[in-house]
Amino acid sequence: MEKLSVQEEEAMQAVWQLGEGFIKDFLDVMPEPKPPYTTLASTIKNLERKEFLSAEKMGNSFRYKAAIKEEEYKKRFMSGFVSDYFENSYKDLVTFFAKNKKISASELKEIINLIENPKS
């Protein structure tokens, strides 16, 4: 799966938030500063071309919806990130955050609890 640009990820966040909609709907839920309508329209078309979105023609417009779930994208993105930056070691990833004080001992305990007691 192709990595998305920041602009594409922001557009996908709006799509995932709404489930489906028109470009104007996505623009309405995007954080400030909002991109120009034409920029978002181009980004949405690129996402459709990359098969992240599907489109349904409705009158003179298209209604878009995600072709990939947010959770699936996160899984694939994180796998690539850990592979590229941490030699495929999640332990090294957590160690990095612990050394840089980006994760607390209580958060690590929560993670350990999730590992030891996974929810089905």
PDB file of N, CA and C in Angstrom:
ATOM      1  N   MET A   1       0.842  -1.177   0.000  1.00  0.00           N
ATOM      2  CA  MET A   1       0.000   0.000   0.000  1.00  0.00           C
ATOM      3  C   MET A   1       0.886   1.239   0.000  1.00  0.00           C
ATOM      4  N   GLU A   2       0.489   2.165  -0.803  1.00  0.00           N
ATOM      5  CA  GLU A   2       1.215   3.413  -0.950  1.00  0.00           C
ATOM      6  C   GLU A   2       1.016   4.293   0.286  1.00  0.00           C
ATOM      7  N   LYS A   3       2.100   4.922   0.745  1.00  0.00           N
ATOM      8  CA  LYS A   3       2.019   5.866   1.864  1.00  0.00           C
ATOM      9  C   LYS A   3       1.338   7.126   1.365  1.00  0.00           C
ATOM     10  N   LEU A   4       0.453   7.656   2.183  1.00  0.00           N
ATOM     11  CA  LEU A   4      -0.255   8.872   1.816  1.00  0.00           C
ATOM     12  C   LEU A   4       0.536  10.110   2.237  1.00  0.00           C
ATOM     13  N   SER A   5       0.365  11.180   1.483  1.00  0.00           N
ATOM     14  CA  SER A   5       0.957  12.461   1.862  1.00  0.00           C
ATOM     15  C   SER A   5       0.164  13.021   3.043  1.00  0.00           C
ATOM     16  N   VAL A   6       0.690  14.042   3.686  1.00  0.00           N
ATOM     17  CA  VAL A   6      -0.015  14.680   4.794  1.00  0.00           C
ATOM     18  C   VAL A   6      -1.373  15.192   4.321  1.00  0.00           C
ATOM     19  N   GLN A   7      -1.400  15.806   3.165  1.00  0.00           N
ATOM     20  CA  GLN A   7      -2.638  16.340   2.588  1.00  0.00           C
ATOM     21  C   GLN A   7      -3.653  15.218   2.343  1.00  0.00           C
ATOM     22  N   GLU A   8      -3.179  14.088   1.820  1.00  0.00           N
ATOM     23  CA  GLU A   8      -4.061  12.948   1.565  1.00  0.00           C
ATOM     24  C   GLU A   8      -4.569  12.340   2.876  1.00  0.00           C
ATOM     25  N   GLU A   9      -3.697  12.264   3.883  1.00  0.00           N
ATOM     26  CA  GLU A   9      -4.121  11.729   5.178  1.00  0.00           C
ATOM     27  C   GLU A   9      -5.182  12.615   5.817  1.00  0.00           C
ATOM     28  N   GLU A  10      -5.028  13.923   5.705  1.00  0.00           N
ATOM     29  CA  GLU A  10      -6.028  14.843   6.255  1.00  0.00           C
ATOM     30  C   GLU A  10      -7.377  14.648   5.562  1.00  0.00           C
ATOM     31  N   ALA A  11      -7.346  14.471   4.255  1.00  0.00           N
ATOM     32  CA  ALA A  11      -8.589  14.229   3.512  1.00  0.00           C
ATOM     33  C   ALA A  11      -9.208  12.900   3.938  1.00  0.00           C
ATOM     34  N   MET A  12      -8.391  11.872   4.090  1.00  0.00           N
ATOM     35  CA  MET A  12      -8.912  10.568   4.506  1.00  0.00           C
ATOM     36  C   MET A  12      -9.487  10.637   5.915  1.00  0.00           C
ATOM     37  N   GLN A  13      -8.880  11.430   6.792  1.00  0.00           N
ATOM     38  CA  GLN A  13      -9.427  11.588   8.144  1.00  0.00           C
ATOM     39  C   GLN A  13     -10.855  12.130   8.080  1.00  0.00           C
ATOM     40  N   ALA A  14     -11.071  13.094   7.192  1.00  0.00           N
ATOM     41  CA  ALA A  14     -12.418  13.661   7.020  1.00  0.00           C
ATOM     42  C   ALA A  14     -13.378  12.603   6.481  1.00  0.00           C
ATOM     43  N   VAL A  15     -12.923  11.800   5.528  1.00  0.00           N
ATOM     44  CA  VAL A  15     -13.765  10.744   4.954  1.00  0.00           C
ATOM     45  C   VAL A  15     -14.108   9.714   6.028  1.00  0.00           C
ATOM     46  N   TRP A  16     -13.100   9.270   6.782  1.00  0.00           N
ATOM     47  CA  TRP A  16     -13.347   8.285   7.837  1.00  0.00           C
ATOM     48  C   TRP A  16     -14.294   8.849   8.901  1.00  0.00           C
ATOM     49  N   GLN A  17     -14.167  10.126   9.196  1.00  0.00           N
ATOM     50  CA  GLN A  17     -15.024  10.754  10.196  1.00  0.00           C
ATOM     51  C   GLN A  17     -16.493  10.733   9.764  1.00  0.00           C
ATOM     52  N   LEU A  18     -16.728  11.026   8.489  1.00  0.00           N
ATOM     53  CA  LEU A  18     -18.103  11.099   7.988  1.00  0.00           C
ATOM     54  C   LEU A  18     -18.641   9.768   7.462  1.00  0.00           C
ATOM     55  N   GLY A  19     -17.756   8.900   7.043  1.00  0.00           N
ATOM     56  CA  GLY A  19     -18.195   7.633   6.454  1.00  0.00           C
ATOM     57  C   GLY A  19     -18.344   7.724   4.944  1.00  0.00           C
ATOM     58  N   GLU A  20     -19.087   8.729   4.513  1.00  0.00           N
ATOM     59  CA  GLU A  20     -19.215   9.002   3.076  1.00  0.00           C
ATOM     60  C   GLU A  20     -19.726  10.427   2.922  1.00  0.00           C
ATOM     61  N   GLY A  21     -19.528  10.970   1.732  1.00  0.00           N
ATOM     62  CA  GLY A  21     -20.029  12.319   1.501  1.00  0.00           C
ATOM     63  C   GLY A  21     -19.470  12.926   0.232  1.00  0.00           C
ATOM     64  N   PHE A  22     -19.795  14.185   0.077  1.00  0.00           N
ATOM     65  CA  PHE A  22     -19.336  14.969  -1.064  1.00  0.00           C
ATOM     66  C   PHE A  22     -18.148  15.825  -0.620  1.00  0.00           C
ATOM     67  N   ILE A  23     -17.415  16.336  -1.578  1.00  0.00           N
ATOM     68  CA  ILE A  23     -16.220  17.112  -1.268  1.00  0.00           C
ATOM     69  C   ILE A  23     -16.532  18.228  -0.267  1.00  0.00           C
ATOM     70  N   LYS A  24     -17.642  18.937  -0.458  1.00  0.00           N
ATOM     71  CA  LYS A  24     -18.003  20.017   0.456  1.00  0.00           C
ATOM     72  C   LYS A  24     -18.204  19.497   1.877  1.00  0.00           C
ATOM     73  N   ASP A  25     -18.787  18.314   2.021  1.00  0.00           N
ATOM     74  CA  ASP A  25     -18.975  17.722   3.353  1.00  0.00           C
ATOM     75  C   ASP A  25     -17.631  17.493   4.040  1.00  0.00           C
ATOM     76  N   PHE A  26     -16.677  16.972   3.280  1.00  0.00           N
ATOM     77  CA  PHE A  26     -15.349  16.704   3.847  1.00  0.00           C
ATOM     78  C   PHE A  26     -14.661  18.018   4.220  1.00  0.00           C
ATOM     79  N   LEU A  27     -14.804  19.005   3.365  1.00  0.00           N
ATOM     80  CA  LEU A  27     -14.206  20.317   3.619  1.00  0.00           C
ATOM     81  C   LEU A  27     -14.757  20.904   4.922  1.00  0.00           C
ATOM     82  N   ASP A  28     -16.045  20.729   5.154  1.00  0.00           N
ATOM     83  CA  ASP A  28     -16.691  21.279   6.350  1.00  0.00           C
ATOM     84  C   ASP A  28     -16.115  20.723   7.651  1.00  0.00           C
ATOM     85  N   VAL A  29     -15.669  19.460   7.657  1.00  0.00           N
ATOM     86  CA  VAL A  29     -15.172  18.851   8.896  1.00  0.00           C
ATOM     87  C   VAL A  29     -13.653  18.915   9.044  1.00  0.00           C
ATOM     88  N   MET A  30     -12.969  19.447   8.041  1.00  0.00           N
ATOM     89  CA  MET A  30     -11.514  19.539   8.118  1.00  0.00           C
ATOM     90  C   MET A  30     -11.111  20.675   9.051  1.00  0.00           C
ATOM     91  N   PRO A  31      -9.987  20.496   9.751  1.00  0.00           N
ATOM     92  CA  PRO A  31      -9.523  21.546  10.664  1.00  0.00           C
ATOM     93  C   PRO A  31      -8.999  22.760   9.903  1.00  0.00           C
ATOM     94  N   GLU A  32      -8.950  23.884  10.578  1.00  0.00           N
ATOM     95  CA  GLU A  32      -8.364  25.102  10.002  1.00  0.00           C
ATOM     96  C   GLU A  32      -6.852  24.954   9.990  1.00  0.00           C
ATOM     97  N   PRO A  33      -6.155  25.519   9.065  1.00  0.00           N
ATOM     98  CA  PRO A  33      -6.670  26.190   7.872  1.00  0.00           C
ATOM     99  C   PRO A  33      -7.142  25.157   6.851  1.00  0.00           C
ATOM    100  N   LYS A  34      -8.333  25.329   6.357  1.00  0.00           N
ATOM    101  CA  LYS A  34      -8.911  24.414   5.384  1.00  0.00           C
ATOM    102  C   LYS A  34      -8.264  24.639   4.016  1.00  0.00           C
ATOM    103  N   PRO A  35      -8.063  23.562   3.274  1.00  0.00           N
ATOM    104  CA  PRO A  35      -7.526  23.737   1.927  1.00  0.00           C
ATOM    105  C   PRO A  35      -8.590  24.363   1.022  1.00  0.00           C
ATOM    106  N   PRO A  36      -8.183  24.987  -0.068  1.00  0.00           N
ATOM    107  CA  PRO A  36      -9.177  25.457  -1.040  1.00  0.00           C
ATOM    108  C   PRO A  36      -9.974  24.255  -1.577  1.00  0.00           C
ATOM    109  N   TYR A  37     -11.221  24.501  -1.947  1.00  0.00           N
ATOM    110  CA  TYR A  37     -12.102  23.451  -2.463  1.00  0.00           C
ATOM    111  C   TYR A  37     -11.421  22.699  -3.608  1.00  0.00           C
ATOM    112  N   THR A  38     -10.811  23.440  -4.553  1.00  0.00           N
ATOM    113  CA  THR A  38     -10.211  22.793  -5.724  1.00  0.00           C
ATOM    114  C   THR A  38      -9.035  21.895  -5.328  1.00  0.00           C
ATOM    115  N   THR A  39      -8.297  22.295  -4.310  1.00  0.00           N
ATOM    116  CA  THR A  39      -7.175  21.479  -3.831  1.00  0.00           C
ATOM    117  C   THR A  39      -7.699  20.179  -3.231  1.00  0.00           C
ATOM    118  N   LEU A  40      -8.737  20.295  -2.413  1.00  0.00           N
ATOM    119  CA  LEU A  40      -9.323  19.095  -1.819  1.00  0.00           C
ATOM    120  C   LEU A  40      -9.909  18.192  -2.906  1.00  0.00           C
ATOM    121  N   ALA A  41     -10.551  18.782  -3.893  1.00  0.00           N
ATOM    122  CA  ALA A  41     -11.124  17.990  -4.998  1.00  0.00           C
ATOM    123  C   ALA A  41     -10.027  17.202  -5.715  1.00  0.00           C
ATOM    124  N   SER A  42      -8.884  17.832  -5.951  1.00  0.00           N
ATOM    125  CA  SER A  42      -7.757  17.140  -6.595  1.00  0.00           C
ATOM    126  C   SER A  42      -7.231  16.016  -5.711  1.00  0.00           C
ATOM    127  N   THR A  43      -7.140  16.294  -4.424  1.00  0.00           N
ATOM    128  CA  THR A  43      -6.657  15.283  -3.474  1.00  0.00           C
ATOM    129  C   THR A  43      -7.610  14.095  -3.438  1.00  0.00           C
ATOM    130  N   ILE A  44      -8.907  14.369  -3.414  1.00  0.00           N
ATOM    131  CA  ILE A  44      -9.915  13.302  -3.398  1.00  0.00           C
ATOM    132  C   ILE A  44      -9.815  12.460  -4.667  1.00  0.00           C
ATOM    133  N   LYS A  45      -9.637  13.117  -5.817  1.00  0.00           N
ATOM    134  CA  LYS A  45      -9.490  12.382  -7.087  1.00  0.00           C
ATOM    135  C   LYS A  45      -8.250  11.487  -7.053  1.00  0.00           C
ATOM    136  N   ASN A  46      -7.148  12.003  -6.485  1.00  0.00           N
ATOM    137  CA  ASN A  46      -5.930  11.198  -6.362  1.00  0.00           C
ATOM    138  C   ASN A  46      -6.165   9.987  -5.463  1.00  0.00           C
ATOM    139  N   LEU A  47      -6.890  10.201  -4.374  1.00  0.00           N
ATOM    140  CA  LEU A  47      -7.199   9.090  -3.469  1.00  0.00           C
ATOM    141  C   LEU A  47      -8.077   8.042  -4.147  1.00  0.00           C
ATOM    142  N   GLU A  48      -8.970   8.483  -4.993  1.00  0.00           N
ATOM    143  CA  GLU A  48      -9.792   7.544  -5.761  1.00  0.00           C
ATOM    144  C   GLU A  48      -8.904   6.766  -6.746  1.00  0.00           C
ATOM    145  N   ARG A  49      -8.016   7.470  -7.422  1.00  0.00           N
ATOM    146  CA  ARG A  49      -7.109   6.822  -8.370  1.00  0.00           C
ATOM    147  C   ARG A  49      -6.224   5.789  -7.670  1.00  0.00           C
ATOM    148  N   LYS A  50      -5.795   6.103  -6.436  1.00  0.00           N
ATOM    149  CA  LYS A  50      -4.959   5.184  -5.660  1.00  0.00           C
ATOM    150  C   LYS A  50      -5.774   4.088  -4.983  1.00  0.00           C
ATOM    151  N   GLU A  51      -7.100   4.107  -5.197  1.00  0.00           N
ATOM    152  CA  GLU A  51      -8.037   3.110  -4.685  1.00  0.00           C
ATOM    153  C   GLU A  51      -8.216   3.161  -3.167  1.00  0.00           C
ATOM    154  N   PHE A  52      -8.025   4.351  -2.576  1.00  0.00           N
ATOM    155  CA  PHE A  52      -8.348   4.554  -1.172  1.00  0.00           C
ATOM    156  C   PHE A  52      -9.810   4.945  -1.017  1.00  0.00           C
ATOM    157  N   LEU A  53     -10.407   5.489  -2.080  1.00  0.00           N
ATOM    158  CA  LEU A  53     -11.796   5.916  -2.088  1.00  0.00           C
ATOM    159  C   LEU A  53     -12.525   5.289  -3.267  1.00  0.00           C
ATOM    160  N   SER A  54     -13.826   5.120  -3.095  1.00  0.00           N
ATOM    161  CA  SER A  54     -14.672   4.745  -4.226  1.00  0.00           C
ATOM    162  C   SER A  54     -15.666   5.883  -4.421  1.00  0.00           C
ATOM    163  N   ALA A  55     -16.137   6.034  -5.643  1.00  0.00           N
ATOM    164  CA  ALA A  55     -17.038   7.140  -5.973  1.00  0.00           C
ATOM    165  C   ALA A  55     -18.314   6.612  -6.599  1.00  0.00           C
ATOM    166  N   GLU A  56     -19.412   7.288  -6.280  1.00  0.00           N
ATOM    167  CA  GLU A  56     -20.715   6.965  -6.861  1.00  0.00           C
ATOM    168  C   GLU A  56     -21.272   8.261  -7.443  1.00  0.00           C
ATOM    169  N   LYS A  57     -21.586   8.234  -8.730  1.00  0.00           N
ATOM    170  CA  LYS A  57     -22.124   9.426  -9.383  1.00  0.00           C
ATOM    171  C   LYS A  57     -23.550   9.658  -8.921  1.00  0.00           C
ATOM    172  N   MET A  58     -23.796  10.888  -8.484  1.00  0.00           N
ATOM    173  CA  MET A  58     -25.133  11.286  -8.036  1.00  0.00           C
ATOM    174  C   MET A  58     -25.440  12.640  -8.667  1.00  0.00           C
ATOM    175  N   GLY A  59     -26.229  12.616  -9.725  1.00  0.00           N
ATOM    176  CA  GLY A  59     -26.515  13.852 -10.449  1.00  0.00           C
ATOM    177  C   GLY A  59     -25.256  14.361 -11.108  1.00  0.00           C
ATOM    178  N   ASN A  60     -24.899  15.609 -10.808  1.00  0.00           N
ATOM    179  CA  ASN A  60     -23.686  16.209 -11.372  1.00  0.00           C
ATOM    180  C   ASN A  60     -22.473  16.053 -10.466  1.00  0.00           C
ATOM    181  N   SER A  61     -22.640  15.378  -9.337  1.00  0.00           N
ATOM    182  CA  SER A  61     -21.567  15.251  -8.347  1.00  0.00           C
ATOM    183  C   SER A  61     -21.234  13.788  -8.106  1.00  0.00           C
ATOM    184  N   PHE A  62     -20.200  13.604  -7.324  1.00  0.00           N
ATOM    185  CA  PHE A  62     -19.809  12.270  -6.892  1.00  0.00           C
ATOM    186  C   PHE A  62     -19.862  12.209  -5.383  1.00  0.00           C
ATOM    187  N   ARG A  63     -20.381  11.099  -4.869  1.00  0.00           N
ATOM    188  CA  ARG A  63     -20.331  10.842  -3.435  1.00  0.00           C
ATOM    189  C   ARG A  63     -19.210   9.831  -3.220  1.00  0.00           C
ATOM    190  N   TYR A  64     -18.343  10.134  -2.280  1.00  0.00           N
ATOM    191  CA  TYR A  64     -17.166   9.309  -2.027  1.00  0.00           C
ATOM    192  C   TYR A  64     -17.294   8.590  -0.699  1.00  0.00           C
ATOM    193  N   LYS A  65     -16.680   7.417  -0.642  1.00  0.00           N
ATOM    194  CA  LYS A  65     -16.562   6.708   0.630  1.00  0.00           C
ATOM    195  C   LYS A  65     -15.245   5.951   0.626  1.00  0.00           C
ATOM    196  N   ALA A  66     -14.786   5.646   1.823  1.00  0.00           N
ATOM    197  CA  ALA A  66     -13.490   4.975   1.969  1.00  0.00           C
ATOM    198  C   ALA A  66     -13.553   3.567   1.407  1.00  0.00           C
ATOM    199  N   ALA A  67     -12.533   3.207   0.674  1.00  0.00           N
ATOM    200  CA  ALA A  67     -12.407   1.844   0.164  1.00  0.00           C
ATOM    201  C   ALA A  67     -11.521   1.010   1.090  1.00  0.00           C
ATOM    202  N   ILE A  68     -10.897   1.681   2.055  1.00  0.00           N
ATOM    203  CA  ILE A  68     -10.059   1.009   3.048  1.00  0.00           C
ATOM    204  C   ILE A  68     -10.415   1.572   4.412  1.00  0.00           C
ATOM    205  N   LYS A  69     -10.517   0.721   5.391  1.00  0.00           N
ATOM    206  CA  LYS A  69     -10.856   1.148   6.749  1.00  0.00           C
ATOM    207  C   LYS A  69      -9.654   1.825   7.392  1.00  0.00           C
ATOM    208  N   GLU A  70      -9.956   2.746   8.279  1.00  0.00           N
ATOM    209  CA  GLU A  70      -8.899   3.488   8.974  1.00  0.00           C
ATOM    210  C   GLU A  70      -7.963   2.539   9.720  1.00  0.00           C
ATOM    211  N   GLU A  71      -8.522   1.553  10.381  1.00  0.00           N
ATOM    212  CA  GLU A  71      -7.710   0.604  11.147  1.00  0.00           C
ATOM    213  C   GLU A  71      -6.737  -0.156  10.242  1.00  0.00           C
ATOM    214  N   GLU A  72      -7.199  -0.543   9.059  1.00  0.00           N
ATOM    215  CA  GLU A  72      -6.336  -1.262   8.108  1.00  0.00           C
ATOM    216  C   GLU A  72      -5.185  -0.367   7.643  1.00  0.00           C
ATOM    217  N   TYR A  73      -5.489   0.888   7.363  1.00  0.00           N
ATOM    218  CA  TYR A  73      -4.429   1.813   6.950  1.00  0.00           C
ATOM    219  C   TYR A  73      -3.410   1.985   8.074  1.00  0.00           C
ATOM    220  N   LYS A  74      -3.880   2.148   9.294  1.00  0.00           N
ATOM    221  CA  LYS A  74      -2.971   2.308  10.433  1.00  0.00           C
ATOM    222  C   LYS A  74      -2.055   1.098  10.572  1.00  0.00           C
ATOM    223  N   LYS A  75      -2.640  -0.100  10.448  1.00  0.00           N
ATOM    224  CA  LYS A  75      -1.837  -1.323  10.575  1.00  0.00           C
ATOM    225  C   LYS A  75      -0.731  -1.355   9.527  1.00  0.00           C
ATOM    226  N   ARG A  76      -1.100  -1.083   8.283  1.00  0.00           N
ATOM    227  CA  ARG A  76      -0.108  -1.142   7.199  1.00  0.00           C
ATOM    228  C   ARG A  76       0.925  -0.031   7.331  1.00  0.00           C
ATOM    229  N   PHE A  77       0.457   1.171   7.700  1.00  0.00           N
ATOM    230  CA  PHE A  77       1.378   2.294   7.864  1.00  0.00           C
ATOM    231  C   PHE A  77       2.365   2.010   8.985  1.00  0.00           C
ATOM    232  N   MET A  78       1.862   1.544  10.121  1.00  0.00           N
ATOM    233  CA  MET A  78       2.747   1.295  11.263  1.00  0.00           C
ATOM    234  C   MET A  78       3.727   0.171  10.974  1.00  0.00           C
ATOM    235  N   SER A  79       3.299  -0.846  10.270  1.00  0.00           N
ATOM    236  CA  SER A  79       4.221  -1.933   9.908  1.00  0.00           C
ATOM    237  C   SER A  79       5.366  -1.399   9.065  1.00  0.00           C
ATOM    238  N   GLY A  80       5.042  -0.557   8.096  1.00  0.00           N
ATOM    239  CA  GLY A  80       6.085   0.038   7.255  1.00  0.00           C
ATOM    240  C   GLY A  80       6.971   0.982   8.041  1.00  0.00           C
ATOM    241  N   PHE A  81       6.393   1.761   8.929  1.00  0.00           N
ATOM    242  CA  PHE A  81       7.141   2.707   9.758  1.00  0.00           C
ATOM    243  C   PHE A  81       8.136   1.973  10.654  1.00  0.00           C
ATOM    244  N   VAL A  82       7.658   0.930  11.335  1.00  0.00           N
ATOM    245  CA  VAL A  82       8.530   0.168  12.228  1.00  0.00           C
ATOM    246  C   VAL A  82       9.625  -0.524  11.424  1.00  0.00           C
ATOM    247  N   SER A  83       9.277  -1.028  10.271  1.00  0.00           N
ATOM    248  CA  SER A  83      10.266  -1.674   9.402  1.00  0.00           C
ATOM    249  C   SER A  83      11.327  -0.679   8.938  1.00  0.00           C
ATOM    250  N   ASP A  84      10.892   0.502   8.492  1.00  0.00           N
ATOM    251  CA  ASP A  84      11.811   1.494   7.939  1.00  0.00           C
ATOM    252  C   ASP A  84      12.697   2.150   8.989  1.00  0.00           C
ATOM    253  N   TYR A  85      12.158   2.416  10.172  1.00  0.00           N
ATOM    254  CA  TYR A  85      12.884   3.218  11.150  1.00  0.00           C
ATOM    255  C   TYR A  85      13.394   2.446  12.365  1.00  0.00           C
ATOM    256  N   PHE A  86      12.870   1.254  12.608  1.00  0.00           N
ATOM    257  CA  PHE A  86      13.245   0.511  13.809  1.00  0.00           C
ATOM    258  C   PHE A  86      13.621  -0.935  13.509  1.00  0.00           C
ATOM    259  N   GLU A  87      14.096  -1.187  12.296  1.00  0.00           N
ATOM    260  CA  GLU A  87      14.561  -2.510  11.879  1.00  0.00           C
ATOM    261  C   GLU A  87      13.549  -3.600  12.229  1.00  0.00           C
ATOM    262  N   ASN A  88      12.265  -3.280  12.046  1.00  0.00           N
ATOM    263  CA  ASN A  88      11.161  -4.210  12.257  1.00  0.00           C
ATOM    264  C   ASN A  88      11.018  -4.647  13.716  1.00  0.00           C
ATOM    265  N   SER A  89      11.521  -3.823  14.654  1.00  0.00           N
ATOM    266  CA  SER A  89      11.451  -4.169  16.070  1.00  0.00           C
ATOM    267  C   SER A  89      10.514  -3.215  16.809  1.00  0.00           C
ATOM    268  N   TYR A  90       9.379  -3.754  17.251  1.00  0.00           N
ATOM    269  CA  TYR A  90       8.457  -2.944  18.047  1.00  0.00           C
ATOM    270  C   TYR A  90       9.064  -2.641  19.413  1.00  0.00           C
ATOM    271  N   LYS A  91       9.916  -3.525  19.896  1.00  0.00           N
ATOM    272  CA  LYS A  91      10.626  -3.276  21.153  1.00  0.00           C
ATOM    273  C   LYS A  91      11.491  -2.021  21.013  1.00  0.00           C
ATOM    274  N   ASP A  92      12.201  -1.899  19.911  1.00  0.00           N
ATOM    275  CA  ASP A  92      13.024  -0.711  19.685  1.00  0.00           C
ATOM    276  C   ASP A  92      12.163   0.547  19.586  1.00  0.00           C
ATOM    277  N   LEU A  93      10.981   0.427  19.003  1.00  0.00           N
ATOM    278  CA  LEU A  93      10.058   1.553  18.904  1.00  0.00           C
ATOM    279  C   LEU A  93       9.647   2.024  20.298  1.00  0.00           C
ATOM    280  N   VAL A  94       9.226   1.095  21.150  1.00  0.00           N
ATOM    281  CA  VAL A  94       8.796   1.454  22.504  1.00  0.00           C
ATOM    282  C   VAL A  94       9.983   1.993  23.304  1.00  0.00           C
ATOM    283  N   THR A  95      11.154   1.393  23.131  1.00  0.00           N
ATOM    284  CA  THR A  95      12.359   1.868  23.817  1.00  0.00           C
ATOM    285  C   THR A  95      12.674   3.302  23.413  1.00  0.00           C
ATOM    286  N   PHE A  96      12.537   3.602  22.147  1.00  0.00           N
ATOM    287  CA  PHE A  96      12.768   4.966  21.654  1.00  0.00           C
ATOM    288  C   PHE A  96      11.860   5.952  22.383  1.00  0.00           C
ATOM    289  N   PHE A  97      10.575   5.632  22.474  1.00  0.00           N
ATOM    290  CA  PHE A  97       9.638   6.534  23.138  1.00  0.00           C
ATOM    291  C   PHE A  97       9.920   6.630  24.637  1.00  0.00           C
ATOM    292  N   ALA A  98      10.304   5.527  25.250  1.00  0.00           N
ATOM    293  CA  ALA A  98      10.608   5.546  26.680  1.00  0.00           C
ATOM    294  C   ALA A  98      11.839   6.409  26.958  1.00  0.00           C
ATOM    295  N   LYS A  99      12.891   6.247  26.153  1.00  0.00           N
ATOM    296  CA  LYS A  99      14.122   7.031  26.345  1.00  0.00           C
ATOM    297  C   LYS A  99      13.890   8.518  26.131  1.00  0.00           C
ATOM    298  N   ASN A 100      12.977   8.856  25.232  1.00  0.00           N
ATOM    299  CA  ASN A 100      12.698  10.256  24.935  1.00  0.00           C
ATOM    300  C   ASN A 100      11.537  10.810  25.762  1.00  0.00           C
ATOM    301  N   LYS A 101      11.175  10.046  26.808  1.00  0.00           N
ATOM    302  CA  LYS A 101      10.116  10.463  27.747  1.00  0.00           C
ATOM    303  C   LYS A 101       8.813  10.828  27.045  1.00  0.00           C
ATOM    304  N   LYS A 102       8.471  10.056  26.027  1.00  0.00           N
ATOM    305  CA  LYS A 102       7.220  10.248  25.294  1.00  0.00           C
ATOM    306  C   LYS A 102       6.159   9.248  25.735  1.00  0.00           C
ATOM    307  N   ILE A 103       6.554   8.338  26.641  1.00  0.00           N
ATOM    308  CA  ILE A 103       5.620   7.352  27.180  1.00  0.00           C
ATOM    309  C   ILE A 103       5.956   7.164  28.654  1.00  0.00           C
ATOM    310  N   SER A 104       4.928   7.113  29.472  1.00  0.00           N
ATOM    311  CA  SER A 104       5.132   7.004  30.921  1.00  0.00           C
ATOM    312  C   SER A 104       5.122   5.538  31.358  1.00  0.00           C
ATOM    313  N   ALA A 105       5.564   5.337  32.603  1.00  0.00           N
ATOM    314  CA  ALA A 105       5.558   3.990  33.175  1.00  0.00           C
ATOM    315  C   ALA A 105       4.129   3.456  33.256  1.00  0.00           C
ATOM    316  N   SER A 106       3.180   4.322  33.608  1.00  0.00           N
ATOM    317  CA  SER A 106       1.790   3.846  33.703  1.00  0.00           C
ATOM    318  C   SER A 106       1.246   3.462  32.326  1.00  0.00           C
ATOM    319  N   GLU A 107       1.638   4.202  31.290  1.00  0.00           N
ATOM    320  CA  GLU A 107       1.219   3.847  29.934  1.00  0.00           C
ATOM    321  C   GLU A 107       1.837   2.520  29.514  1.00  0.00           C
ATOM    322  N   LEU A 108       3.105   2.300  29.887  1.00  0.00           N
ATOM    323  CA  LEU A 108       3.753   1.016  29.578  1.00  0.00           C
ATOM    324  C   LEU A 108       3.049  -0.127  30.298  1.00  0.00           C
ATOM    325  N   LYS A 109       2.624   0.119  31.528  1.00  0.00           N
ATOM    326  CA  LYS A 109       1.884  -0.916  32.266  1.00  0.00           C
ATOM    327  C   LYS A 109       0.569  -1.238  31.567  1.00  0.00           C
ATOM    328  N   GLU A 110      -0.098  -0.210  31.046  1.00  0.00           N
ATOM    329  CA  GLU A 110      -1.340  -0.432  30.291  1.00  0.00           C
ATOM    330  C   GLU A 110      -1.070  -1.289  29.056  1.00  0.00           C
ATOM    331  N   ILE A 111       0.033  -1.001  28.370  1.00  0.00           N
ATOM    332  CA  ILE A 111       0.399  -1.772  27.176  1.00  0.00           C
ATOM    333  C   ILE A 111       0.669  -3.227  27.552  1.00  0.00           C
ATOM    334  N   ILE A 112       1.410  -3.426  28.636  1.00  0.00           N
ATOM    335  CA  ILE A 112       1.707  -4.792  29.094  1.00  0.00           C
ATOM    336  C   ILE A 112       0.410  -5.517  29.432  1.00  0.00           C
ATOM    337  N   ASN A 113      -0.506  -4.813  30.077  1.00  0.00           N
ATOM    338  CA  ASN A 113      -1.797  -5.414  30.414  1.00  0.00           C
ATOM    339  C   ASN A 113      -2.558  -5.815  29.148  1.00  0.00           C
ATOM    340  N   LEU A 114      -2.524  -4.965  28.130  1.00  0.00           N
ATOM    341  CA  LEU A 114      -3.191  -5.302  26.864  1.00  0.00           C
ATOM    342  C   LEU A 114      -2.559  -6.525  26.200  1.00  0.00           C
ATOM    343  N   ILE A 115      -1.241  -6.640  26.308  1.00  0.00           N
ATOM    344  CA  ILE A 115      -0.550  -7.787  25.710  1.00  0.00           C
ATOM    345  C   ILE A 115      -0.889  -9.061  26.475  1.00  0.00           C
ATOM    346  N   GLU A 116      -0.881  -8.969  27.801  1.00  0.00           N
ATOM    347  CA  GLU A 116      -1.131 -10.147  28.627  1.00  0.00           C
ATOM    348  C   GLU A 116      -2.615 -10.552  28.668  1.00  0.00           C
ATOM    349  N   ASN A 117      -3.494  -9.578  28.467  1.00  0.00           N
ATOM    350  CA  ASN A 117      -4.939  -9.838  28.518  1.00  0.00           C
ATOM    351  C   ASN A 117      -5.635  -9.275  27.293  1.00  0.00           C
ATOM    352  N   PRO A 118      -5.346  -9.832  26.115  1.00  0.00           N
ATOM    353  CA  PRO A 118      -5.970  -9.302  24.903  1.00  0.00           C
ATOM    354  C   PRO A 118      -7.483  -9.527  24.913  1.00  0.00           C
ATOM    355  N   LYS A 119      -8.178  -8.528  24.404  1.00  0.00           N
ATOM    356  CA  LYS A 119      -9.636  -8.669  24.293  1.00  0.00           C
ATOM    357  C   LYS A 119      -9.964  -9.300  22.953  1.00  0.00           C
ATOM    358  N   SER A 120     -10.837 -10.256  22.982  1.00  0.00           N
ATOM    359  CA  SER A 120     -11.196 -10.964  21.752  1.00  0.00           C
ATOM    360  C   SER A 120     -12.047 -10.127  20.857  1.00  0.00           C
TER     361      SER A 120
END
